[in-house]
Amino acid sequence: MFSGRVQGVGFRYTACRVAADYPVTGYVRNLPDGRVELVAEGAPSALEQFLRRLTGRMGGFIRETQAEQSPANGEFDSFEVRF
């Protein structure tokens, strides 16, 4: 979860563009409370690089990040914006 000024600034579409450069799958979506939820699966090193690059590009809008780790379940075929 990302909070701050993360809606209305291209966060979801930036996440998709960045994800295209890494072997990660999942989704990103806006939440009604103003936060952005990002769910991603991939190798730990790919996820780390993806998130590092995303936060590097969008860091000026992010106030707080909350992360949860759980085993991948392979339910995603690509990385997408969900509405």
C-alpha atoms as a PDB file:
ATOM      1  CA  MET A   1       0.000   0.000   0.000  1.00  0.00           C
ATOM      2  CA  PHE A   2       1.166   3.452  -0.830  1.00  0.00           C
ATOM      3  CA  SER A   3      -0.255   6.577   0.747  1.00  0.00           C
ATOM      4  CA  GLY A   4       0.390  10.248   0.208  1.00  0.00           C
ATOM      5  CA  ARG A   5      -0.542  12.121  -2.926  1.00  0.00           C
ATOM      6  CA  VAL A   6      -0.588   8.926  -4.969  1.00  0.00           C
ATOM      7  CA  GLN A   7      -3.874   9.319  -6.860  1.00  0.00           C
ATOM      8  CA  GLY A   8      -4.227  11.630  -9.828  1.00  0.00           C
ATOM      9  CA  VAL A   9      -0.477  11.731 -10.499  1.00  0.00           C
ATOM     10  CA  GLY A  10      -0.076   8.780 -12.890  1.00  0.00           C
ATOM     11  CA  PHE A  11       1.031   6.357 -10.185  1.00  0.00           C
ATOM     12  CA  ARG A  12      -0.863   3.333 -11.563  1.00  0.00           C
ATOM     13  CA  TYR A  13       0.298   3.858 -15.119  1.00  0.00           C
ATOM     14  CA  THR A  14       3.866   4.472 -14.027  1.00  0.00           C
ATOM     15  CA  ALA A  15       3.722   1.212 -12.060  1.00  0.00           C
ATOM     16  CA  CYS A  16       2.604  -0.632 -15.208  1.00  0.00           C
ATOM     17  CA  ARG A  17       5.344   0.917 -17.322  1.00  0.00           C
ATOM     18  CA  VAL A  18       7.993   0.058 -14.735  1.00  0.00           C
ATOM     19  CA  ALA A  19       6.609  -3.476 -14.256  1.00  0.00           C
ATOM     20  CA  ALA A  20       6.988  -4.113 -17.998  1.00  0.00           C
ATOM     21  CA  ASP A  21      10.776  -4.028 -17.507  1.00  0.00           C
ATOM     22  CA  TYR A  22      10.762  -6.810 -14.900  1.00  0.00           C
ATOM     23  CA  PRO A  23       9.453 -10.386 -14.731  1.00  0.00           C
ATOM     24  CA  VAL A  24       6.669  -9.481 -12.295  1.00  0.00           C
ATOM     25  CA  THR A  25       2.915  -9.989 -12.465  1.00  0.00           C
ATOM     26  CA  GLY A  26       0.023  -8.566 -10.469  1.00  0.00           C
ATOM     27  CA  TYR A  27      -1.983  -5.373 -10.357  1.00  0.00           C
ATOM     28  CA  VAL A  28      -2.219  -1.827  -9.065  1.00  0.00           C
ATOM     29  CA  ARG A  29      -5.435  -0.007  -8.166  1.00  0.00           C
ATOM     30  CA  ASN A  30      -6.722   3.086  -6.412  1.00  0.00           C
ATOM     31  CA  LEU A  31      -8.542   2.582  -3.128  1.00  0.00           C
ATOM     32  CA  PRO A  32     -11.513   4.695  -2.030  1.00  0.00           C
ATOM     33  CA  ASP A  33      -9.541   6.102   0.923  1.00  0.00           C
ATOM     34  CA  GLY A  34      -6.904   7.716  -1.329  1.00  0.00           C
ATOM     35  CA  ARG A  35      -4.248   5.013  -1.054  1.00  0.00           C
ATOM     36  CA  VAL A  36      -2.940   2.843  -3.881  1.00  0.00           C
ATOM     37  CA  GLU A  37      -2.786  -0.954  -3.554  1.00  0.00           C
ATOM     38  CA  LEU A  38      -0.090  -2.819  -5.456  1.00  0.00           C
ATOM     39  CA  VAL A  39       0.041  -6.611  -5.517  1.00  0.00           C
ATOM     40  CA  ALA A  40       3.001  -8.188  -7.292  1.00  0.00           C
ATOM     41  CA  GLU A  41       4.476 -11.641  -7.738  1.00  0.00           C
ATOM     42  CA  GLY A  42       7.931 -12.538  -8.959  1.00  0.00           C
ATOM     43  CA  ALA A  43      11.386 -13.543  -7.850  1.00  0.00           C
ATOM     44  CA  PRO A  44      12.499 -11.613  -4.749  1.00  0.00           C
ATOM     45  CA  SER A  45      15.285  -9.820  -6.626  1.00  0.00           C
ATOM     46  CA  ALA A  46      12.928  -8.769  -9.459  1.00  0.00           C
ATOM     47  CA  LEU A  47      10.343  -7.502  -6.972  1.00  0.00           C
ATOM     48  CA  GLU A  48      12.981  -5.544  -5.077  1.00  0.00           C
ATOM     49  CA  GLN A  49      14.302  -3.924  -8.253  1.00  0.00           C
ATOM     50  CA  PHE A  50      10.782  -3.153  -9.496  1.00  0.00           C
ATOM     51  CA  LEU A  51       9.750  -1.520  -6.220  1.00  0.00           C
ATOM     52  CA  ARG A  52      13.022   0.388  -5.915  1.00  0.00           C
ATOM     53  CA  ARG A  53      12.608   1.835  -9.397  1.00  0.00           C
ATOM     54  CA  LEU A  54       8.917   2.628  -8.867  1.00  0.00           C
ATOM     55  CA  THR A  55       9.540   4.412  -5.570  1.00  0.00           C
ATOM     56  CA  GLY A  56      12.481   6.227  -7.157  1.00  0.00           C
ATOM     57  CA  ARG A  57      10.216   7.606  -9.861  1.00  0.00           C
ATOM     58  CA  MET A  58       7.178   8.304  -7.671  1.00  0.00           C
ATOM     59  CA  GLY A  59       8.871   8.949  -4.326  1.00  0.00           C
ATOM     60  CA  GLY A  60       7.922  12.627  -4.289  1.00  0.00           C
ATOM     61  CA  PHE A  61       4.261  11.614  -4.012  1.00  0.00           C
ATOM     62  CA  ILE A  62       4.642   8.770  -1.500  1.00  0.00           C
ATOM     63  CA  ARG A  63       4.289   9.605   2.198  1.00  0.00           C
ATOM     64  CA  GLU A  64       4.104   6.061   3.544  1.00  0.00           C
ATOM     65  CA  THR A  65       4.538   2.514   2.276  1.00  0.00           C
ATOM     66  CA  GLN A  66       3.075  -0.573   3.941  1.00  0.00           C
ATOM     67  CA  ALA A  67       4.254  -3.951   2.695  1.00  0.00           C
ATOM     68  CA  GLU A  68       3.061  -7.481   3.347  1.00  0.00           C
ATOM     69  CA  GLN A  69       4.757 -10.576   2.065  1.00  0.00           C
ATOM     70  CA  SER A  70       3.010 -13.843   1.382  1.00  0.00           C
ATOM     71  CA  PRO A  71       3.697 -16.865  -0.803  1.00  0.00           C
ATOM     72  CA  ALA A  72       2.950 -16.367  -4.492  1.00  0.00           C
ATOM     73  CA  ASN A  73      -0.074 -18.245  -5.745  1.00  0.00           C
ATOM     74  CA  GLY A  74       0.527 -17.810  -9.480  1.00  0.00           C
ATOM     75  CA  GLU A  75      -2.883 -16.294 -10.166  1.00  0.00           C
ATOM     76  CA  PHE A  76      -1.591 -13.463 -12.382  1.00  0.00           C
ATOM     77  CA  ASP A  77      -0.560 -13.654 -16.048  1.00  0.00           C
ATOM     78  CA  SER A  78       0.551 -10.037 -16.414  1.00  0.00           C
ATOM     79  CA  PHE A  79       0.751  -6.753 -14.535  1.00  0.00           C
ATOM     80  CA  GLU A  80      -2.286  -4.504 -14.976  1.00  0.00           C
ATOM     81  CA  VAL A  81      -4.260  -1.545 -13.709  1.00  0.00           C
ATOM     82  CA  ARG A  82      -7.457  -2.590 -11.991  1.00  0.00           C
ATOM     83  CA  PHE A  83     -10.451  -0.332 -11.554  1.00  0.00           C
END
